[in-house]
């Protein structure tokens, strides 16, 4: 099981990543979402906190070329649930769950991103808090072949998360052209009892300095459901 630093630094370009786990004392849920970029358009973004969650925004509106796959709500909150994704499927999950349907129902209507030849996977996570604990659902929607002619939908359901452990999914296995998609099950990572700021600094410092763009970290007290949130942007 990797440390957070080891996990996010295994490649110079993991792309976009979601980490979800539980503090080693078992009292808090820990979530993180980061984005990276190689192009000027991808790097021209910041995270902005809102009451309903967190959204991406152009840092310099004049330089924004194509907002379709880079401007969205990565984080939305719904009653006792926290939804984290790398695209507008956040809204799909939110709407479906609000209507009494499931995380999987929502993602079965979606597929990978239409950005050939990369066909970037859509990665998603939803935590449900109840009875002083939380369950976790994660999904990876990716192309089943290099041509992008079929989808592969992988779901990982955790009835409980072990203290001191987290799950890590990201869009790319490594840098490349085209970018190779994430493969296999979510990667295990160690989660300690650090503060939201300390976790954010650890992840941010582990990400490749040239490619990192923005990071969001949230710690939720499992007894009170109080949230502590932290954002780090390349463009402060």
Protein backbone atom coordinates (compact mmCIF):
# COMPACT_ATOMS: atom_id res chain seq x y z
CA UNK A 1 0.00 0.00 0.00
CA UNK A 2 1.48 3.30 -1.12
CA UNK A 3 1.70 6.52 0.84
CA UNK A 4 -0.15 9.49 -0.67
CA UNK A 5 3.13 10.87 -1.95
CA UNK A 6 4.11 7.59 -3.60
CA UNK A 7 0.65 7.14 -5.12
CA UNK A 8 0.41 10.51 -6.87
CA UNK A 9 4.05 10.65 -7.94
CA UNK A 10 4.29 7.27 -9.70
CA UNK A 11 3.89 9.02 -13.05
CA UNK A 12 4.38 12.59 -14.20
CA UNK A 13 0.84 12.63 -15.58
CA UNK A 14 -1.86 10.68 -13.73
CA UNK A 15 -4.27 13.24 -15.20
CA UNK A 16 -7.25 13.69 -12.90
CA UNK A 17 -7.48 11.69 -9.69
CA UNK A 18 -9.87 10.85 -6.86
CA UNK A 19 -8.77 9.62 -3.44
CA UNK A 20 -11.35 8.43 -0.90
CA UNK A 21 -10.58 6.88 2.47
CA UNK A 22 -10.77 6.96 6.24
CA UNK A 23 -8.36 8.45 8.77
CA UNK A 24 -6.27 6.00 10.77
CA UNK A 25 -8.22 6.80 13.97
CA UNK A 26 -11.44 5.85 12.16
CA UNK A 27 -13.15 9.14 12.97
CA UNK A 28 -12.99 10.99 9.66
CA UNK A 29 -13.61 10.45 5.96
CA UNK A 30 -10.97 11.87 3.64
CA UNK A 31 -11.53 12.85 0.01
CA UNK A 32 -9.30 14.50 -2.56
CA UNK A 33 -9.66 15.45 -6.21
CA UNK A 34 -6.91 16.88 -8.40
CA UNK A 35 -6.56 17.96 -12.01
CA UNK A 36 -3.46 18.24 -14.16
CA UNK A 37 -2.89 19.71 -17.59
CA UNK A 38 -0.43 19.67 -20.46
CA UNK A 39 -2.09 22.23 -22.77
CA UNK A 40 -2.60 25.93 -22.12
CA UNK A 41 -6.37 25.39 -22.13
CA UNK A 42 -6.19 22.63 -19.51
CA UNK A 43 -3.86 24.62 -17.31
CA UNK A 44 -6.03 27.73 -17.50
CA UNK A 45 -8.27 26.62 -14.63
CA UNK A 46 -8.87 27.12 -10.93
CA UNK A 47 -11.11 25.44 -8.36
CA UNK A 48 -13.79 27.63 -6.75
CA UNK A 49 -15.72 26.68 -3.61
CA UNK A 50 -19.49 27.10 -3.57
CA UNK A 51 -22.16 26.21 -0.99
CA UNK A 52 -23.39 23.37 -3.23
CA UNK A 53 -19.90 21.96 -3.78
CA UNK A 54 -16.91 22.93 -5.88
CA UNK A 55 -16.59 23.94 -9.54
CA UNK A 56 -13.88 24.64 -12.06
CA UNK A 57 -13.49 28.09 -13.56
CA UNK A 58 -11.27 29.66 -16.19
CA UNK A 59 -8.38 31.54 -14.62
CA UNK A 60 -8.12 33.85 -17.63
CA UNK A 61 -11.44 33.99 -19.50
CA UNK A 62 -9.75 35.52 -22.55
CA UNK A 63 -7.56 32.43 -23.00
CA UNK A 64 -10.37 29.87 -22.68
CA UNK A 65 -10.64 27.99 -26.00
CA UNK A 66 -12.97 25.04 -25.37
CA UNK A 67 -14.83 24.78 -22.03
CA UNK A 68 -16.75 21.60 -22.91
CA UNK A 69 -14.61 19.05 -21.03
CA UNK A 70 -12.84 21.26 -18.51
CA UNK A 71 -15.54 23.44 -16.94
CA UNK A 72 -17.82 21.44 -14.64
CA UNK A 73 -18.72 20.69 -11.00
CA UNK A 74 -16.22 18.11 -9.68
CA UNK A 75 -17.91 18.09 -6.25
CA UNK A 76 -21.59 18.27 -5.34
CA UNK A 77 -23.32 17.66 -2.02
CA UNK A 78 -26.74 16.00 -1.67
CA UNK A 79 -28.21 15.39 1.78
CA UNK A 80 -25.91 12.74 3.36
CA UNK A 81 -23.92 12.16 0.17
CA UNK A 82 -20.76 13.59 -1.36
CA UNK A 83 -20.27 13.17 -5.11
CA UNK A 84 -16.83 13.61 -6.71
CA UNK A 85 -16.09 13.16 -10.43
CA UNK A 86 -13.87 14.39 -13.22
CA UNK A 87 -16.64 15.72 -15.47
CA UNK A 88 -20.25 16.72 -15.93
CA UNK A 89 -21.32 13.23 -14.86
CA UNK A 90 -21.34 14.80 -11.39
CA UNK A 91 -24.64 16.38 -12.39
CA UNK A 92 -25.93 13.11 -13.88
CA UNK A 93 -25.27 11.27 -10.60
CA UNK A 94 -26.76 14.12 -8.56
CA UNK A 95 -29.97 14.21 -10.62
CA UNK A 96 -30.44 10.43 -10.65
CA UNK A 97 -29.83 9.98 -6.93
CA UNK A 98 -32.09 12.93 -6.11
CA UNK A 99 -34.82 11.13 -8.08
CA UNK A 100 -34.35 7.93 -6.08
CA UNK A 101 -32.19 6.11 -8.60
CA UNK A 102 -28.66 4.80 -8.07
CA UNK A 103 -25.06 5.78 -8.72
CA UNK A 104 -24.80 2.89 -11.20
CA UNK A 105 -28.09 3.81 -12.91
CA UNK A 106 -26.65 7.25 -13.54
CA UNK A 107 -23.30 6.12 -14.90
CA UNK A 108 -24.87 3.47 -17.12
CA UNK A 109 -26.13 6.40 -19.20
CA UNK A 110 -22.63 7.82 -19.67
CA UNK A 111 -19.36 6.73 -21.28
CA UNK A 112 -15.77 7.93 -21.65
CA UNK A 113 -14.98 11.45 -22.86
CA UNK A 114 -15.12 12.15 -26.63
CA UNK A 115 -11.53 13.37 -26.85
CA UNK A 116 -9.98 10.98 -29.38
CA UNK A 117 -7.39 9.52 -29.44
CA UNK A 118 -7.15 9.61 -25.62
CA UNK A 119 -10.78 8.74 -24.84
CA UNK A 120 -10.24 9.97 -21.29
CA UNK A 121 -11.99 7.77 -18.70
CA UNK A 122 -14.73 9.27 -16.59
CA UNK A 123 -13.90 8.56 -12.95
CA UNK A 124 -16.52 8.98 -10.23
CA UNK A 125 -17.06 8.48 -6.52
CA UNK A 126 -20.03 8.80 -4.17
CA UNK A 127 -19.87 8.52 -0.39
CA UNK A 128 -22.99 7.94 1.71
CA UNK A 129 -22.74 8.90 5.38
CA UNK A 130 -24.92 7.14 7.95
CA UNK A 131 -24.71 5.66 11.45
CA UNK A 132 -21.32 7.23 12.16
CA UNK A 133 -19.66 5.68 9.13
CA UNK A 134 -19.82 5.77 5.34
CA UNK A 135 -20.07 3.49 2.34
CA UNK A 136 -18.33 4.18 -0.92
CA UNK A 137 -19.11 3.64 -4.58
CA UNK A 138 -16.56 4.27 -7.33
CA UNK A 139 -16.78 3.99 -11.09
CA UNK A 140 -14.44 4.07 -14.07
CA UNK A 141 -15.97 4.46 -17.54
CA UNK A 142 -13.41 3.92 -20.26
CA UNK A 143 -13.03 2.88 -23.86
CA UNK A 144 -13.01 -0.87 -24.42
CA UNK A 145 -10.70 -0.53 -27.43
CA UNK A 146 -8.30 1.93 -29.11
CA UNK A 147 -10.95 2.94 -31.64
CA UNK A 148 -13.39 4.17 -29.00
CA UNK A 149 -16.23 2.12 -30.45
CA UNK A 150 -17.39 0.53 -27.17
CA UNK A 151 -17.50 1.37 -23.47
CA UNK A 152 -16.25 -0.56 -20.46
CA UNK A 153 -17.96 0.36 -17.19
CA UNK A 154 -16.24 -0.78 -13.99
CA UNK A 155 -17.87 -0.32 -10.57
CA UNK A 156 -16.36 -0.81 -7.12
CA UNK A 157 -18.69 -0.88 -4.11
CA UNK A 158 -17.34 -0.67 -0.57
CA UNK A 159 -19.85 -1.29 2.22
CA UNK A 160 -17.25 -0.02 4.66
CA UNK A 161 -13.81 1.55 4.42
CA UNK A 162 -11.06 0.37 6.74
CA UNK A 163 -9.44 2.93 9.01
CA UNK A 164 -6.08 4.11 7.68
CA UNK A 165 -6.84 3.11 4.10
CA UNK A 166 -8.04 4.83 0.95
CA UNK A 167 -8.86 4.05 -2.66
CA UNK A 168 -7.23 5.94 -5.53
CA UNK A 169 -8.45 6.09 -9.13
CA UNK A 170 -7.04 8.32 -11.85
CA UNK A 171 -7.60 8.84 -15.54
CA UNK A 172 -4.21 7.86 -16.98
CA UNK A 173 -1.76 5.09 -16.22
CA UNK A 174 1.17 7.26 -17.37
CA UNK A 175 2.13 10.08 -19.70
CA UNK A 176 2.07 9.30 -23.41
CA UNK A 177 0.53 10.07 -26.78
CA UNK A 178 -2.15 8.90 -26.81
CA UNK A 179 -2.50 8.80 -23.04
CA UNK A 180 -2.94 5.24 -21.70
CA UNK A 181 -6.09 4.82 -19.59
CA UNK A 182 -6.13 3.75 -15.95
CA UNK A 183 -6.36 -0.03 -15.61
CA UNK A 184 -7.16 -2.47 -12.82
CA UNK A 185 -8.82 -1.95 -9.46
CA UNK A 186 -8.57 1.23 -7.38
CA UNK A 187 -5.12 1.52 -5.82
CA UNK A 188 -4.76 1.24 -2.04
CA UNK A 189 -3.22 4.24 -0.27
CA UNK A 190 -2.36 4.97 3.35
CA UNK A 191 -4.44 7.59 5.16
CA UNK A 192 -3.23 9.07 8.45
CA UNK A 193 -4.69 11.57 10.92
CA UNK A 194 -3.26 14.71 9.36
CA UNK A 195 -5.19 17.96 9.04
CA UNK A 196 -6.88 18.98 5.80
CA UNK A 197 -4.04 21.43 5.10
CA UNK A 198 -1.35 18.82 5.76
CA UNK A 199 -3.01 16.28 3.45
CA UNK A 200 -3.42 18.91 0.75
CA UNK A 201 0.25 19.89 0.97
CA UNK A 202 1.34 16.23 0.84
CA UNK A 203 -0.67 15.50 -2.30
CA UNK A 204 0.19 18.80 -3.99
CA UNK A 205 3.90 18.37 -3.38
CA UNK A 206 3.75 14.80 -4.71
CA UNK A 207 2.17 15.84 -8.01
CA UNK A 208 4.43 16.75 -10.92
CA UNK A 209 5.21 20.45 -10.57
CA UNK A 210 4.98 21.18 -14.30
CA UNK A 211 1.59 19.53 -14.80
CA UNK A 212 -0.38 20.07 -11.58
CA UNK A 213 -3.24 22.57 -11.86
CA UNK A 214 -5.67 22.39 -8.92
CA UNK A 215 -6.42 20.28 -5.83
CA UNK A 216 -9.42 19.91 -3.53
CA UNK A 217 -9.34 18.08 -0.19
CA UNK A 218 -12.27 17.46 2.16
CA UNK A 219 -12.26 15.88 5.62
CA UNK A 220 -15.66 14.91 7.10
CA UNK A 221 -16.17 14.17 10.78
CA UNK A 222 -18.14 10.91 10.81
CA UNK A 223 -19.97 11.79 14.04
CA UNK A 224 -21.04 15.37 13.30
CA UNK A 225 -20.68 15.36 9.47
CA UNK A 226 -18.86 18.68 9.77
CA UNK A 227 -16.62 19.29 6.75
CA UNK A 228 -13.23 20.92 6.47
CA UNK A 229 -12.28 21.80 2.89
CA UNK A 230 -9.10 23.06 1.28
CA UNK A 231 -8.25 24.18 -2.26
CA UNK A 232 -4.82 24.73 -3.80
CA UNK A 233 -4.62 26.35 -7.24
CA UNK A 234 -1.62 26.65 -9.52
CA UNK A 235 -2.89 30.14 -10.31
CA UNK A 236 -3.46 31.55 -6.85
